[in-house]
C-alpha atoms as a PDB file:
ATOM      1  CA  MET A   1      28.945   7.347  54.639  1.00  0.00           C
ATOM      2  CA  SER A   2      25.952   5.126  53.995  1.00  0.00           C
ATOM      3  CA  ALA A   3      22.383   5.961  54.967  1.00  0.00           C
ATOM      4  CA  SER A   4      22.610   3.405  57.791  1.00  0.00           C
ATOM      5  CA  ASN A   5      25.659   5.212  59.175  1.00  0.00           C
ATOM      6  CA  PRO A   6      25.069   8.946  58.626  1.00  0.00           C
ATOM      7  CA  LEU A   7      27.624  11.594  59.430  1.00  0.00           C
ATOM      8  CA  PRO A   8      27.456  12.686  63.060  1.00  0.00           C
ATOM      9  CA  ILE A   9      25.880  16.041  63.832  1.00  0.00           C
ATOM     10  CA  ARG A  10      28.782  18.447  64.303  1.00  0.00           C
ATOM     11  CA  ILE A  11      28.568  21.826  66.008  1.00  0.00           C
ATOM     12  CA  GLY A  12      31.425  24.305  65.964  1.00  0.00           C
ATOM     13  CA  ILE A  13      32.041  26.270  69.152  1.00  0.00           C
ATOM     14  CA  VAL A  14      34.389  29.218  68.669  1.00  0.00           C
ATOM     15  CA  THR A  15      35.754  31.407  71.448  1.00  0.00           C
ATOM     16  CA  VAL A  16      37.142  34.658  70.049  1.00  0.00           C
ATOM     17  CA  SER A  17      39.506  36.108  72.647  1.00  0.00           C
ATOM     18  CA  ASP A  18      43.091  37.309  72.494  1.00  0.00           C
ATOM     19  CA  ARG A  19      43.701  36.437  76.153  1.00  0.00           C
ATOM     20  CA  ALA A  20      41.995  33.035  76.121  1.00  0.00           C
ATOM     21  CA  SER A  21      43.809  32.038  72.908  1.00  0.00           C
ATOM     22  CA  GLN A  22      47.128  32.907  74.603  1.00  0.00           C
ATOM     23  CA  GLY A  23      46.267  30.981  77.776  1.00  0.00           C
ATOM     24  CA  VAL A  24      46.230  34.173  79.875  1.00  0.00           C
ATOM     25  CA  TYR A  25      42.496  33.928  80.547  1.00  0.00           C
ATOM     26  CA  GLU A  26      40.375  30.822  81.120  1.00  0.00           C
ATOM     27  CA  ASP A  27      37.844  30.291  78.348  1.00  0.00           C
ATOM     28  CA  LYS A  28      34.429  30.401  79.979  1.00  0.00           C
ATOM     29  CA  GLY A  29      32.370  31.180  76.879  1.00  0.00           C
ATOM     30  CA  GLY A  30      33.049  27.991  74.919  1.00  0.00           C
ATOM     31  CA  PRO A  31      32.260  25.728  77.880  1.00  0.00           C
ATOM     32  CA  ALA A  32      29.063  27.736  78.548  1.00  0.00           C
ATOM     33  CA  ILE A  33      27.901  27.109  74.978  1.00  0.00           C
ATOM     34  CA  ARG A  34      28.773  23.397  75.161  1.00  0.00           C
ATOM     35  CA  GLU A  35      26.933  22.993  78.508  1.00  0.00           C
ATOM     36  CA  PHE A  36      23.835  24.730  77.141  1.00  0.00           C
ATOM     37  CA  LEU A  37      23.807  22.531  74.038  1.00  0.00           C
ATOM     38  CA  GLN A  38      24.299  19.381  76.131  1.00  0.00           C
ATOM     39  CA  GLU A  39      21.327  20.431  78.247  1.00  0.00           C
ATOM     40  CA  ILE A  40      18.923  21.169  75.398  1.00  0.00           C
ATOM     41  CA  LEU A  41      19.831  18.884  72.493  1.00  0.00           C
ATOM     42  CA  THR A  42      18.395  15.369  72.671  1.00  0.00           C
ATOM     43  CA  CYS A  43      19.980  14.202  69.421  1.00  0.00           C
ATOM     44  CA  SER A  44      23.499  12.834  69.319  1.00  0.00           C
ATOM     45  CA  TRP A  45      26.094  15.475  68.394  1.00  0.00           C
ATOM     46  CA  GLU A  46      29.761  16.312  68.768  1.00  0.00           C
ATOM     47  CA  SER A  47      31.442  19.636  69.378  1.00  0.00           C
ATOM     48  CA  VAL A  48      34.277  20.990  67.274  1.00  0.00           C
ATOM     49  CA  PRO A  49      35.856  23.613  69.570  1.00  0.00           C
ATOM     50  CA  ARG A  50      38.256  26.402  68.676  1.00  0.00           C
ATOM     51  CA  ILE A  51      39.844  29.183  70.739  1.00  0.00           C
ATOM     52  CA  ILE A  52      41.213  31.928  68.515  1.00  0.00           C
ATOM     53  CA  PRO A  53      42.442  35.541  68.768  1.00  0.00           C
ATOM     54  CA  ASP A  54      40.456  38.650  67.802  1.00  0.00           C
ATOM     55  CA  GLU A  55      41.932  38.748  64.310  1.00  0.00           C
ATOM     56  CA  GLN A  56      39.491  39.027  61.408  1.00  0.00           C
ATOM     57  CA  PRO A  57      41.471  36.815  58.980  1.00  0.00           C
ATOM     58  CA  VAL A  58      41.773  34.098  61.660  1.00  0.00           C
ATOM     59  CA  ILE A  59      38.074  34.297  62.508  1.00  0.00           C
ATOM     60  CA  GLU A  60      37.113  34.120  58.833  1.00  0.00           C
ATOM     61  CA  SER A  61      39.370  31.120  58.119  1.00  0.00           C
ATOM     62  CA  THR A  62      38.101  29.320  61.241  1.00  0.00           C
ATOM     63  CA  LEU A  63      34.465  29.854  60.245  1.00  0.00           C
ATOM     64  CA  ARG A  64      35.180  28.643  56.700  1.00  0.00           C
ATOM     65  CA  GLU A  65      36.986  25.565  58.032  1.00  0.00           C
ATOM     66  CA  LEU A  66      34.173  24.657  60.433  1.00  0.00           C
ATOM     67  CA  CYS A  67      31.476  25.062  57.780  1.00  0.00           C
ATOM     68  CA  ASP A  68      33.236  23.761  54.678  1.00  0.00           C
ATOM     69  CA  THR A  69      35.755  21.199  55.922  1.00  0.00           C
ATOM     70  CA  GLU A  70      34.452  20.080  59.329  1.00  0.00           C
ATOM     71  CA  GLN A  71      30.853  20.129  58.008  1.00  0.00           C
ATOM     72  CA  CYS A  72      29.361  21.697  61.134  1.00  0.00           C
ATOM     73  CA  CYS A  73      25.667  22.383  60.625  1.00  0.00           C
ATOM     74  CA  LEU A  74      25.834  25.027  63.351  1.00  0.00           C
ATOM     75  CA  VAL A  75      28.735  27.242  64.380  1.00  0.00           C
ATOM     76  CA  VAL A  76      28.299  29.297  67.522  1.00  0.00           C
ATOM     77  CA  THR A  77      30.821  31.991  68.370  1.00  0.00           C
ATOM     78  CA  THR A  78      31.366  33.847  71.632  1.00  0.00           C
ATOM     79  CA  GLY A  79      33.224  37.107  72.034  1.00  0.00           C
ATOM     80  CA  GLY A  80      34.286  39.956  69.804  1.00  0.00           C
ATOM     81  CA  THR A  81      30.799  41.441  69.360  1.00  0.00           C
ATOM     82  CA  GLY A  82      31.162  44.744  71.211  1.00  0.00           C
ATOM     83  CA  PRO A  83      32.269  48.157  69.981  1.00  0.00           C
ATOM     84  CA  ALA A  84      35.932  47.831  71.039  1.00  0.00           C
ATOM     85  CA  LEU A  85      38.466  48.287  68.259  1.00  0.00           C
ATOM     86  CA  ARG A  86      39.519  44.600  68.432  1.00  0.00           C
ATOM     87  CA  ASP A  87      35.913  43.322  68.299  1.00  0.00           C
ATOM     88  CA  VAL A  88      35.601  42.074  64.711  1.00  0.00           C
ATOM     89  CA  THR A  89      33.577  38.854  64.968  1.00  0.00           C
ATOM     90  CA  PRO A  90      30.486  40.313  63.229  1.00  0.00           C
ATOM     91  CA  GLU A  91      32.616  41.648  60.372  1.00  0.00           C
ATOM     92  CA  ALA A  92      34.316  38.258  59.945  1.00  0.00           C
ATOM     93  CA  THR A  93      30.963  36.481  60.074  1.00  0.00           C
ATOM     94  CA  ALA A  94      29.433  38.812  57.475  1.00  0.00           C
ATOM     95  CA  ALA A  95      32.469  38.295  55.218  1.00  0.00           C
ATOM     96  CA  VAL A  96      32.018  34.504  55.088  1.00  0.00           C
ATOM     97  CA  CYS A  97      28.213  34.309  55.047  1.00  0.00           C
ATOM     98  CA  GLU A  98      26.058  34.172  51.938  1.00  0.00           C
ATOM     99  CA  ARG A  99      22.981  35.451  53.814  1.00  0.00           C
ATOM    100  CA  ILE A 100      22.609  37.461  57.008  1.00  0.00           C
ATOM    101  CA  LEU A 101      19.602  36.589  59.195  1.00  0.00           C
ATOM    102  CA  ASP A 102      18.890  39.893  60.922  1.00  0.00           C
ATOM    103  CA  GLY A 103      16.183  38.497  63.200  1.00  0.00           C
ATOM    104  CA  PHE A 104      18.731  36.590  65.298  1.00  0.00           C
ATOM    105  CA  GLY A 105      20.684  39.705  66.297  1.00  0.00           C
ATOM    106  CA  GLU A 106      17.503  41.695  66.816  1.00  0.00           C
ATOM    107  CA  GLN A 107      16.037  39.029  69.118  1.00  0.00           C
ATOM    108  CA  MET A 108      19.254  38.597  71.127  1.00  0.00           C
ATOM    109  CA  ARG A 109      19.565  42.351  71.697  1.00  0.00           C
ATOM    110  CA  ALA A 110      15.875  42.676  72.628  1.00  0.00           C
ATOM    111  CA  VAL A 111      16.203  39.954  75.271  1.00  0.00           C
ATOM    112  CA  SER A 112      19.529  41.272  76.563  1.00  0.00           C
ATOM    113  CA  LEU A 113      18.238  44.858  76.851  1.00  0.00           C
ATOM    114  CA  LYS A 114      15.691  43.644  79.407  1.00  0.00           C
ATOM    115  CA  ILE A 115      18.631  42.540  81.592  1.00  0.00           C
ATOM    116  CA  VAL A 116      21.466  45.040  81.011  1.00  0.00           C
ATOM    117  CA  PRO A 117      21.445  48.495  79.392  1.00  0.00           C
ATOM    118  CA  THR A 118      24.860  47.853  77.807  1.00  0.00           C
ATOM    119  CA  ALA A 119      23.236  45.317  75.454  1.00  0.00           C
ATOM    120  CA  ILE A 120      22.592  48.254  73.143  1.00  0.00           C
ATOM    121  CA  LEU A 121      26.326  48.085  72.360  1.00  0.00           C
ATOM    122  CA  SER A 122      26.130  44.451  71.248  1.00  0.00           C
ATOM    123  CA  ARG A 123      26.657  43.730  67.547  1.00  0.00           C
ATOM    124  CA  GLN A 124      26.142  39.966  67.271  1.00  0.00           C
ATOM    125  CA  ILE A 125      24.742  38.683  63.996  1.00  0.00           C
ATOM    126  CA  ALA A 126      23.838  35.373  62.380  1.00  0.00           C
ATOM    127  CA  GLY A 127      24.036  34.119  58.835  1.00  0.00           C
ATOM    128  CA  THR A 128      24.302  31.122  56.579  1.00  0.00           C
ATOM    129  CA  ARG A 129      27.226  29.627  54.711  1.00  0.00           C
ATOM    130  CA  GLY A 130      26.233  26.708  52.524  1.00  0.00           C
ATOM    131  CA  ARG A 131      24.407  24.249  54.775  1.00  0.00           C
ATOM    132  CA  SER A 132      25.706  25.865  57.963  1.00  0.00           C
ATOM    133  CA  LEU A 133      24.219  28.434  60.303  1.00  0.00           C
ATOM    134  CA  ILE A 134      26.656  30.753  62.110  1.00  0.00           C
ATOM    135  CA  VAL A 135      25.456  32.578  65.230  1.00  0.00           C
ATOM    136  CA  ASN A 136      27.499  35.187  67.130  1.00  0.00           C
ATOM    137  CA  LEU A 137      26.981  35.441  70.880  1.00  0.00           C
ATOM    138  CA  PRO A 138      28.372  37.823  73.496  1.00  0.00           C
ATOM    139  CA  GLY A 139      31.297  36.682  75.653  1.00  0.00           C
ATOM    140  CA  LYS A 140      29.692  36.642  79.108  1.00  0.00           C
ATOM    141  CA  PRO A 141      28.408  33.137  80.062  1.00  0.00           C
ATOM    142  CA  SER A 142      25.087  34.380  81.516  1.00  0.00           C
ATOM    143  CA  ALA A 143      24.480  36.434  78.349  1.00  0.00           C
ATOM    144  CA  ILE A 144      25.330  33.380  76.238  1.00  0.00           C
ATOM    145  CA  ARG A 145      22.547  31.408  77.910  1.00  0.00           C
ATOM    146  CA  ASP A 146      20.046  34.290  77.662  1.00  0.00           C
ATOM    147  CA  CYS A 147      20.771  34.766  73.960  1.00  0.00           C
ATOM    148  CA  LEU A 148      20.693  31.058  73.110  1.00  0.00           C
ATOM    149  CA  MET A 149      17.378  30.642  74.950  1.00  0.00           C
ATOM    150  CA  ALA A 150      16.005  33.524  72.869  1.00  0.00           C
ATOM    151  CA  VAL A 151      17.038  32.237  69.435  1.00  0.00           C
ATOM    152  CA  PHE A 152      17.412  28.472  69.757  1.00  0.00           C
ATOM    153  CA  PRO A 153      13.741  27.727  69.041  1.00  0.00           C
ATOM    154  CA  ALA A 154      14.398  28.870  65.436  1.00  0.00           C
ATOM    155  CA  ILE A 155      17.744  27.105  64.947  1.00  0.00           C
ATOM    156  CA  PRO A 156      16.551  23.520  64.221  1.00  0.00           C
ATOM    157  CA  TYR A 157      14.086  24.690  61.559  1.00  0.00           C
ATOM    158  CA  CYS A 158      16.700  26.994  60.013  1.00  0.00           C
ATOM    159  CA  ILE A 159      19.051  24.010  59.733  1.00  0.00           C
ATOM    160  CA  ASP A 160      16.175  21.990  58.215  1.00  0.00           C
ATOM    161  CA  LEU A 161      15.790  24.701  55.551  1.00  0.00           C
ATOM    162  CA  LEU A 162      19.536  24.499  54.855  1.00  0.00           C
ATOM    163  CA  GLU A 163      19.069  20.727  54.284  1.00  0.00           C
ATOM    164  CA  GLY A 164      21.129  19.928  57.356  1.00  0.00           C
ATOM    165  CA  PRO A 165      20.604  17.285  60.045  1.00  0.00           C
ATOM    166  CA  TYR A 166      17.434  17.097  62.122  1.00  0.00           C
ATOM    167  CA  LEU A 167      18.114  18.631  65.542  1.00  0.00           C
ATOM    168  CA  THR A 168      15.845  17.649  68.423  1.00  0.00           C
ATOM    169  CA  THR A 169      15.540  19.500  71.715  1.00  0.00           C
ATOM    170  CA  ASN A 170      14.483  18.870  75.280  1.00  0.00           C
ATOM    171  CA  GLU A 171      11.100  20.547  74.907  1.00  0.00           C
ATOM    172  CA  SER A 172      10.782  21.161  78.648  1.00  0.00           C
ATOM    173  CA  ILE A 173      13.646  23.682  78.220  1.00  0.00           C
ATOM    174  CA  VAL A 174      13.530  24.813  74.574  1.00  0.00           C
ATOM    175  CA  LYS A 175      10.789  23.869  72.140  1.00  0.00           C
ATOM    176  CA  ALA A 176      12.000  24.041  68.566  1.00  0.00           C
ATOM    177  CA  PHE A 177       9.681  25.936  66.237  1.00  0.00           C
ATOM    178  CA  ARG A 178       8.768  23.950  63.159  1.00  0.00           C
ATOM    179  CA  PRO A 179       5.681  24.765  61.088  1.00  0.00           C
ATOM    180  CA  LYS A 180       3.068  22.026  61.070  1.00  0.00           C
ATOM    181  CA  SER A 181       3.739  21.462  57.372  1.00  0.00           C
ATOM    182  CA  ALA A 182       7.464  20.862  58.003  1.00  0.00           C
END
């Protein structure tokens, strides 16, 4: 597309859940992510949603598709981050990422531990694939909001560093961190 008509900002929203992918359970995580992003992003963007089972090959192929084919600058996952045997989202994320950004997981767990002691069991991670940032979130909608509030200030600048689109936020809710030189 021409400079006067740039590609739209695309954000992948992935719910990882056996039951939700089979229609047995209503997906609440994906809508919670979308609502949060609608509330805080002031730039125009479109969501690219997926609901998939807890299967590592499926998670990996979905993340690759969203980053490489759908050109999402940000992919946010929900679910599959606990210690249960079927929870493999962090492993799938690590398998497709070129770089892991440990600070995201550390910050999300630190914030969550102030609310629930079970947050110590959480294994969410974040990393980069090409010009995309992938962030794993827990499955509970209230935890999704808490974790996104904790890490979102760093997300626009991270995407800047990946040479992605310029994300703007509603600064009365989330103020994006960008160094003065940026």
